[in-house]
Amino acid sequence: MQIKVNDQPVTVATPLTLRELLKVLSQEGKGVALAVNSQIVSRSQWENHRLEEGDQITLIKATAGG
């Protein structure tokens, strides 16, 4: 299955949930926000939101600094 994460093509073997995608990308943890096809998905929905072919995911990771 082909998706895009932050405009970069990513191929995954099977349909994944957003939570599973974060594990694959080693992006688990706090300070992460996700949008699928320009729609923000709340953290409480990550476990149930299944990705589909062609989905475009925006992953935003908060960083400390100033």
PDB file of N, CA and C in Angstrom:
ATOM      1  N   MET A   1       0.851  -1.160   0.000  1.00  0.00           N
ATOM      2  CA  MET A   1       0.000   0.000   0.000  1.00  0.00           C
ATOM      3  C   MET A   1       0.901   1.229   0.000  1.00  0.00           C
ATOM      4  N   GLN A   2       0.565   2.195  -0.814  1.00  0.00           N
ATOM      5  CA  GLN A   2       1.347   3.425  -0.951  1.00  0.00           C
ATOM      6  C   GLN A   2       0.616   4.582  -0.265  1.00  0.00           C
ATOM      7  N   ILE A   3       1.326   5.277   0.626  1.00  0.00           N
ATOM      8  CA  ILE A   3       0.805   6.474   1.275  1.00  0.00           C
ATOM      9  C   ILE A   3       1.895   7.538   1.214  1.00  0.00           C
ATOM     10  N   LYS A   4       1.583   8.741   1.671  1.00  0.00           N
ATOM     11  CA  LYS A   4       2.593   9.791   1.790  1.00  0.00           C
ATOM     12  C   LYS A   4       2.607  10.288   3.223  1.00  0.00           C
ATOM     13  N   VAL A   5       3.801  10.468   3.747  1.00  0.00           N
ATOM     14  CA  VAL A   5       3.983  11.036   5.078  1.00  0.00           C
ATOM     15  C   VAL A   5       4.835  12.284   4.912  1.00  0.00           C
ATOM     16  N   ASN A   6       4.266  13.430   5.248  1.00  0.00           N
ATOM     17  CA  ASN A   6       4.939  14.711   5.055  1.00  0.00           C
ATOM     18  C   ASN A   6       5.480  14.831   3.628  1.00  0.00           C
ATOM     19  N   ASP A   7       4.630  14.507   2.664  1.00  0.00           N
ATOM     20  CA  ASP A   7       4.912  14.594   1.229  1.00  0.00           C
ATOM     21  C   ASP A   7       5.965  13.618   0.721  1.00  0.00           C
ATOM     22  N   GLN A   8       6.370  12.650   1.545  1.00  0.00           N
ATOM     23  CA  GLN A   8       7.331  11.636   1.121  1.00  0.00           C
ATOM     24  C   GLN A   8       6.605  10.305   0.943  1.00  0.00           C
ATOM     25  N   PRO A   9       6.806   9.638  -0.207  1.00  0.00           N
ATOM     26  CA  PRO A   9       6.140   8.350  -0.413  1.00  0.00           C
ATOM     27  C   PRO A   9       6.636   7.294   0.574  1.00  0.00           C
ATOM     28  N   VAL A  10       5.693   6.536   1.095  1.00  0.00           N
ATOM     29  CA  VAL A  10       5.999   5.449   2.029  1.00  0.00           C
ATOM     30  C   VAL A  10       5.187   4.234   1.585  1.00  0.00           C
ATOM     31  N   THR A  11       5.848   3.097   1.494  1.00  0.00           N
ATOM     32  CA  THR A  11       5.164   1.852   1.150  1.00  0.00           C
ATOM     33  C   THR A  11       5.071   1.007   2.409  1.00  0.00           C
ATOM     34  N   VAL A  12       3.863   0.573   2.731  1.00  0.00           N
ATOM     35  CA  VAL A  12       3.639  -0.310   3.872  1.00  0.00           C
ATOM     36  C   VAL A  12       2.994  -1.592   3.364  1.00  0.00           C
ATOM     37  N   ALA A  13       3.281  -2.689   4.042  1.00  0.00           N
ATOM     38  CA  ALA A  13       2.851  -4.003   3.557  1.00  0.00           C
ATOM     39  C   ALA A  13       1.347  -4.236   3.690  1.00  0.00           C
ATOM     40  N   THR A  14       0.769  -3.756   4.747  1.00  0.00           N
ATOM     41  CA  THR A  14      -0.649  -4.010   4.980  1.00  0.00           C
ATOM     42  C   THR A  14      -1.319  -2.731   5.442  1.00  0.00           C
ATOM     43  N   PRO A  15      -2.636  -2.676   5.369  1.00  0.00           N
ATOM     44  CA  PRO A  15      -3.317  -1.508   5.941  1.00  0.00           C
ATOM     45  C   PRO A  15      -2.971  -1.390   7.432  1.00  0.00           C
ATOM     46  N   LEU A  16      -2.670  -0.182   7.853  1.00  0.00           N
ATOM     47  CA  LEU A  16      -2.267   0.071   9.228  1.00  0.00           C
ATOM     48  C   LEU A  16      -3.193   1.082   9.880  1.00  0.00           C
ATOM     49  N   THR A  17      -3.186   1.084  11.196  1.00  0.00           N
ATOM     50  CA  THR A  17      -3.819   2.178  11.922  1.00  0.00           C
ATOM     51  C   THR A  17      -2.763   3.283  12.067  1.00  0.00           C
ATOM     52  N   LEU A  18      -3.200   4.460  12.457  1.00  0.00           N
ATOM     53  CA  LEU A  18      -2.244   5.541  12.689  1.00  0.00           C
ATOM     54  C   LEU A  18      -1.255   5.162  13.789  1.00  0.00           C
ATOM     55  N   ARG A  19      -1.727   4.512  14.833  1.00  0.00           N
ATOM     56  CA  ARG A  19      -0.850   4.079  15.932  1.00  0.00           C
ATOM     57  C   ARG A  19       0.233   3.134  15.411  1.00  0.00           C
ATOM     58  N   GLU A  20      -0.151   2.179  14.556  1.00  0.00           N
ATOM     59  CA  GLU A  20       0.821   1.239  13.990  1.00  0.00           C
ATOM     60  C   GLU A  20       1.815   1.957  13.079  1.00  0.00           C
ATOM     61  N   LEU A  21       1.337   2.938  12.329  1.00  0.00           N
ATOM     62  CA  LEU A  21       2.231   3.700  11.460  1.00  0.00           C
ATOM     63  C   LEU A  21       3.294   4.417  12.285  1.00  0.00           C
ATOM     64  N   LEU A  22       2.912   5.001  13.401  1.00  0.00           N
ATOM     65  CA  LEU A  22       3.890   5.679  14.249  1.00  0.00           C
ATOM     66  C   LEU A  22       4.958   4.713  14.746  1.00  0.00           C
ATOM     67  N   LYS A  23       4.573   3.482  15.051  1.00  0.00           N
ATOM     68  CA  LYS A  23       5.560   2.472  15.458  1.00  0.00           C
ATOM     69  C   LYS A  23       6.518   2.175  14.312  1.00  0.00           C
ATOM     70  N   VAL A  24       5.985   2.000  13.110  1.00  0.00           N
ATOM     71  CA  VAL A  24       6.811   1.718  11.931  1.00  0.00           C
ATOM     72  C   VAL A  24       7.806   2.851  11.684  1.00  0.00           C
ATOM     73  N   LEU A  25       7.350   4.090  11.886  1.00  0.00           N
ATOM     74  CA  LEU A  25       8.190   5.266  11.640  1.00  0.00           C
ATOM     75  C   LEU A  25       9.060   5.645  12.845  1.00  0.00           C
ATOM     76  N   SER A  26       8.976   4.877  13.925  1.00  0.00           N
ATOM     77  CA  SER A  26       9.708   5.176  15.161  1.00  0.00           C
ATOM     78  C   SER A  26       9.403   6.585  15.658  1.00  0.00           C
ATOM     79  N   GLN A  27       8.139   6.959  15.637  1.00  0.00           N
ATOM     80  CA  GLN A  27       7.703   8.294  16.062  1.00  0.00           C
ATOM     81  C   GLN A  27       6.723   8.227  17.226  1.00  0.00           C
ATOM     82  N   GLU A  28       6.797   7.155  17.998  1.00  0.00           N
ATOM     83  CA  GLU A  28       5.897   7.028  19.141  1.00  0.00           C
ATOM     84  C   GLU A  28       6.280   8.032  20.219  1.00  0.00           C
ATOM     85  N   GLY A  29       5.346   8.387  21.020  1.00  0.00           N
ATOM     86  CA  GLY A  29       5.632   9.263  22.144  1.00  0.00           C
ATOM     87  C   GLY A  29       4.762  10.491  22.148  1.00  0.00           C
ATOM     88  N   LYS A  30       5.065  11.356  23.084  1.00  0.00           N
ATOM     89  CA  LYS A  30       4.285  12.574  23.242  1.00  0.00           C
ATOM     90  C   LYS A  30       4.786  13.634  22.274  1.00  0.00           C
ATOM     91  N   GLY A  31       3.980  14.644  22.099  1.00  0.00           N
ATOM     92  CA  GLY A  31       4.388  15.758  21.257  1.00  0.00           C
ATOM     93  C   GLY A  31       4.212  15.515  19.775  1.00  0.00           C
ATOM     94  N   VAL A  32       3.333  14.576  19.417  1.00  0.00           N
ATOM     95  CA  VAL A  32       3.078  14.269  18.008  1.00  0.00           C
ATOM     96  C   VAL A  32       1.624  14.599  17.689  1.00  0.00           C
ATOM     97  N   ALA A  33       1.415  15.221  16.545  1.00  0.00           N
ATOM     98  CA  ALA A  33       0.062  15.481  16.046  1.00  0.00           C
ATOM     99  C   ALA A  33      -0.021  14.908  14.635  1.00  0.00           C
ATOM    100  N   LEU A  34      -1.206  14.400  14.273  1.00  0.00           N
ATOM    101  CA  LEU A  34      -1.396  13.782  12.959  1.00  0.00           C
ATOM    102  C   LEU A  34      -2.624  14.338  12.253  1.00  0.00           C
ATOM    103  N   ALA A  35      -2.483  14.498  10.954  1.00  0.00           N
ATOM    104  CA  ALA A  35      -3.618  14.829  10.092  1.00  0.00           C
ATOM    105  C   ALA A  35      -3.600  13.848   8.926  1.00  0.00           C
ATOM    106  N   VAL A  36      -4.766  13.417   8.515  1.00  0.00           N
ATOM    107  CA  VAL A  36      -4.903  12.532   7.358  1.00  0.00           C
ATOM    108  C   VAL A  36      -5.753  13.259   6.328  1.00  0.00           C
ATOM    109  N   ASN A  37      -5.178  13.434   5.152  1.00  0.00           N
ATOM    110  CA  ASN A  37      -5.861  14.156   4.076  1.00  0.00           C
ATOM    111  C   ASN A  37      -6.372  15.519   4.555  1.00  0.00           C
ATOM    112  N   SER A  38      -5.494  16.231   5.258  1.00  0.00           N
ATOM    113  CA  SER A  38      -5.737  17.588   5.764  1.00  0.00           C
ATOM    114  C   SER A  38      -6.776  17.671   6.880  1.00  0.00           C
ATOM    115  N   GLN A  39      -7.143  16.548   7.470  1.00  0.00           N
ATOM    116  CA  GLN A  39      -8.092  16.527   8.589  1.00  0.00           C
ATOM    117  C   GLN A  39      -7.373  16.016   9.832  1.00  0.00           C
ATOM    118  N   ILE A  40      -7.332  16.832  10.875  1.00  0.00           N
ATOM    119  CA  ILE A  40      -6.675  16.421  12.114  1.00  0.00           C
ATOM    120  C   ILE A  40      -7.423  15.231  12.711  1.00  0.00           C
ATOM    121  N   VAL A  41      -6.649  14.251  13.170  1.00  0.00           N
ATOM    122  CA  VAL A  41      -7.222  13.071  13.820  1.00  0.00           C
ATOM    123  C   VAL A  41      -6.784  13.116  15.279  1.00  0.00           C
ATOM    124  N   SER A  42      -7.747  13.109  16.183  1.00  0.00           N
ATOM    125  CA  SER A  42      -7.411  13.195  17.609  1.00  0.00           C
ATOM    126  C   SER A  42      -6.697  11.925  18.065  1.00  0.00           C
ATOM    127  N   ARG A  43      -5.833  12.103  19.042  1.00  0.00           N
ATOM    128  CA  ARG A  43      -5.033  10.993  19.570  1.00  0.00           C
ATOM    129  C   ARG A  43      -5.919   9.814  19.985  1.00  0.00           C
ATOM    130  N   SER A  44      -7.088  10.091  20.506  1.00  0.00           N
ATOM    131  CA  SER A  44      -7.982   9.014  20.950  1.00  0.00           C
ATOM    132  C   SER A  44      -8.475   8.152  19.791  1.00  0.00           C
ATOM    133  N   GLN A  45      -8.352   8.639  18.554  1.00  0.00           N
ATOM    134  CA  GLN A  45      -8.797   7.891  17.379  1.00  0.00           C
ATOM    135  C   GLN A  45      -7.672   7.168  16.641  1.00  0.00           C
ATOM    136  N   TRP A  46      -6.434   7.377  17.044  1.00  0.00           N
ATOM    137  CA  TRP A  46      -5.303   6.776  16.328  1.00  0.00           C
ATOM    138  C   TRP A  46      -5.367   5.256  16.290  1.00  0.00           C
ATOM    139  N   GLU A  47      -5.840   4.656  17.362  1.00  0.00           N
ATOM    140  CA  GLU A  47      -5.900   3.186  17.441  1.00  0.00           C
ATOM    141  C   GLU A  47      -6.907   2.608  16.453  1.00  0.00           C
ATOM    142  N   ASN A  48      -7.940   3.368  16.110  1.00  0.00           N
ATOM    143  CA  ASN A  48      -9.016   2.872  15.259  1.00  0.00           C
ATOM    144  C   ASN A  48      -8.985   3.393  13.830  1.00  0.00           C
ATOM    145  N   HIS A  49      -8.230   4.453  13.578  1.00  0.00           N
ATOM    146  CA  HIS A  49      -8.218   5.056  12.238  1.00  0.00           C
ATOM    147  C   HIS A  49      -7.314   4.245  11.310  1.00  0.00           C
ATOM    148  N   ARG A  50      -7.921   3.540  10.372  1.00  0.00           N
ATOM    149  CA  ARG A  50      -7.172   2.733   9.407  1.00  0.00           C
ATOM    150  C   ARG A  50      -6.817   3.574   8.184  1.00  0.00           C
ATOM    151  N   LEU A  51      -5.569   3.441   7.772  1.00  0.00           N
ATOM    152  CA  LEU A  51      -5.103   4.163   6.594  1.00  0.00           C
ATOM    153  C   LEU A  51      -5.535   3.438   5.337  1.00  0.00           C
ATOM    154  N   GLU A  52      -5.711   4.198   4.266  1.00  0.00           N
ATOM    155  CA  GLU A  52      -6.116   3.646   2.980  1.00  0.00           C
ATOM    156  C   GLU A  52      -5.104   4.044   1.911  1.00  0.00           C
ATOM    157  N   GLU A  53      -5.089   3.298   0.835  1.00  0.00           N
ATOM    158  CA  GLU A  53      -4.212   3.581  -0.306  1.00  0.00           C
ATOM    159  C   GLU A  53      -4.326   5.047  -0.702  1.00  0.00           C
ATOM    160  N   GLY A  54      -3.168   5.711  -0.835  1.00  0.00           N
ATOM    161  CA  GLY A  54      -3.147   7.091  -1.296  1.00  0.00           C
ATOM    162  C   GLY A  54      -3.340   8.149  -0.218  1.00  0.00           C
ATOM    163  N   ASP A  55      -3.575   7.726   1.033  1.00  0.00           N
ATOM    164  CA  ASP A  55      -3.730   8.713   2.108  1.00  0.00           C
ATOM    165  C   ASP A  55      -2.480   9.580   2.219  1.00  0.00           C
ATOM    166  N   GLN A  56      -2.704  10.834   2.567  1.00  0.00           N
ATOM    167  CA  GLN A  56      -1.611  11.770   2.800  1.00  0.00           C
ATOM    168  C   GLN A  56      -1.624  12.156   4.274  1.00  0.00           C
ATOM    169  N   ILE A  57      -0.556  11.784   4.964  1.00  0.00           N
ATOM    170  CA  ILE A  57      -0.454  12.001   6.391  1.00  0.00           C
ATOM    171  C   ILE A  57       0.513  13.152   6.656  1.00  0.00           C
ATOM    172  N   THR A  58       0.077  14.065   7.502  1.00  0.00           N
ATOM    173  CA  THR A  58       0.966  15.121   7.980  1.00  0.00           C
ATOM    174  C   THR A  58       1.301  14.794   9.431  1.00  0.00           C
ATOM    175  N   LEU A  59       2.583  14.626   9.704  1.00  0.00           N
ATOM    176  CA  LEU A  59       3.056  14.306  11.035  1.00  0.00           C
ATOM    177  C   LEU A  59       3.814  15.516  11.553  1.00  0.00           C
ATOM    178  N   ILE A  60       3.364  16.050  12.669  1.00  0.00           N
ATOM    179  CA  ILE A  60       4.002  17.212  13.273  1.00  0.00           C
ATOM    180  C   ILE A  60       4.540  16.789  14.640  1.00  0.00           C
ATOM    181  N   LYS A  61       5.818  17.022  14.849  1.00  0.00           N
ATOM    182  CA  LYS A  61       6.451  16.660  16.110  1.00  0.00           C
ATOM    183  C   LYS A  61       6.946  17.930  16.786  1.00  0.00           C
ATOM    184  N   ALA A  62       6.469  18.129  18.014  1.00  0.00           N
ATOM    185  CA  ALA A  62       6.887  19.300  18.790  1.00  0.00           C
ATOM    186  C   ALA A  62       8.347  19.123  19.217  1.00  0.00           C
ATOM    187  N   THR A  63       9.078  20.235  19.195  1.00  0.00           N
ATOM    188  CA  THR A  63      10.463  20.215  19.648  1.00  0.00           C
ATOM    189  C   THR A  63      10.659  21.308  20.686  1.00  0.00           C
ATOM    190  N   ALA A  64      11.561  21.050  21.605  1.00  0.00           N
ATOM    191  CA  ALA A  64      11.862  22.035  22.638  1.00  0.00           C
ATOM    192  C   ALA A  64      12.910  23.011  22.102  1.00  0.00           C
ATOM    193  N   GLY A  65      12.896  24.151  22.629  1.00  0.00           N
ATOM    194  CA  GLY A  65      13.898  25.139  22.212  1.00  0.00           C
ATOM    195  C   GLY A  65      13.288  26.515  22.173  1.00  0.00           C
ATOM    196  N   GLY A  66      14.050  27.438  21.698  1.00  0.00           N
ATOM    197  CA  GLY A  66      13.476  28.769  21.670  1.00  0.00           C
ATOM    198  C   GLY A  66      14.353  29.767  21.082  1.00  0.00           C
TER     199      GLY A  66
END
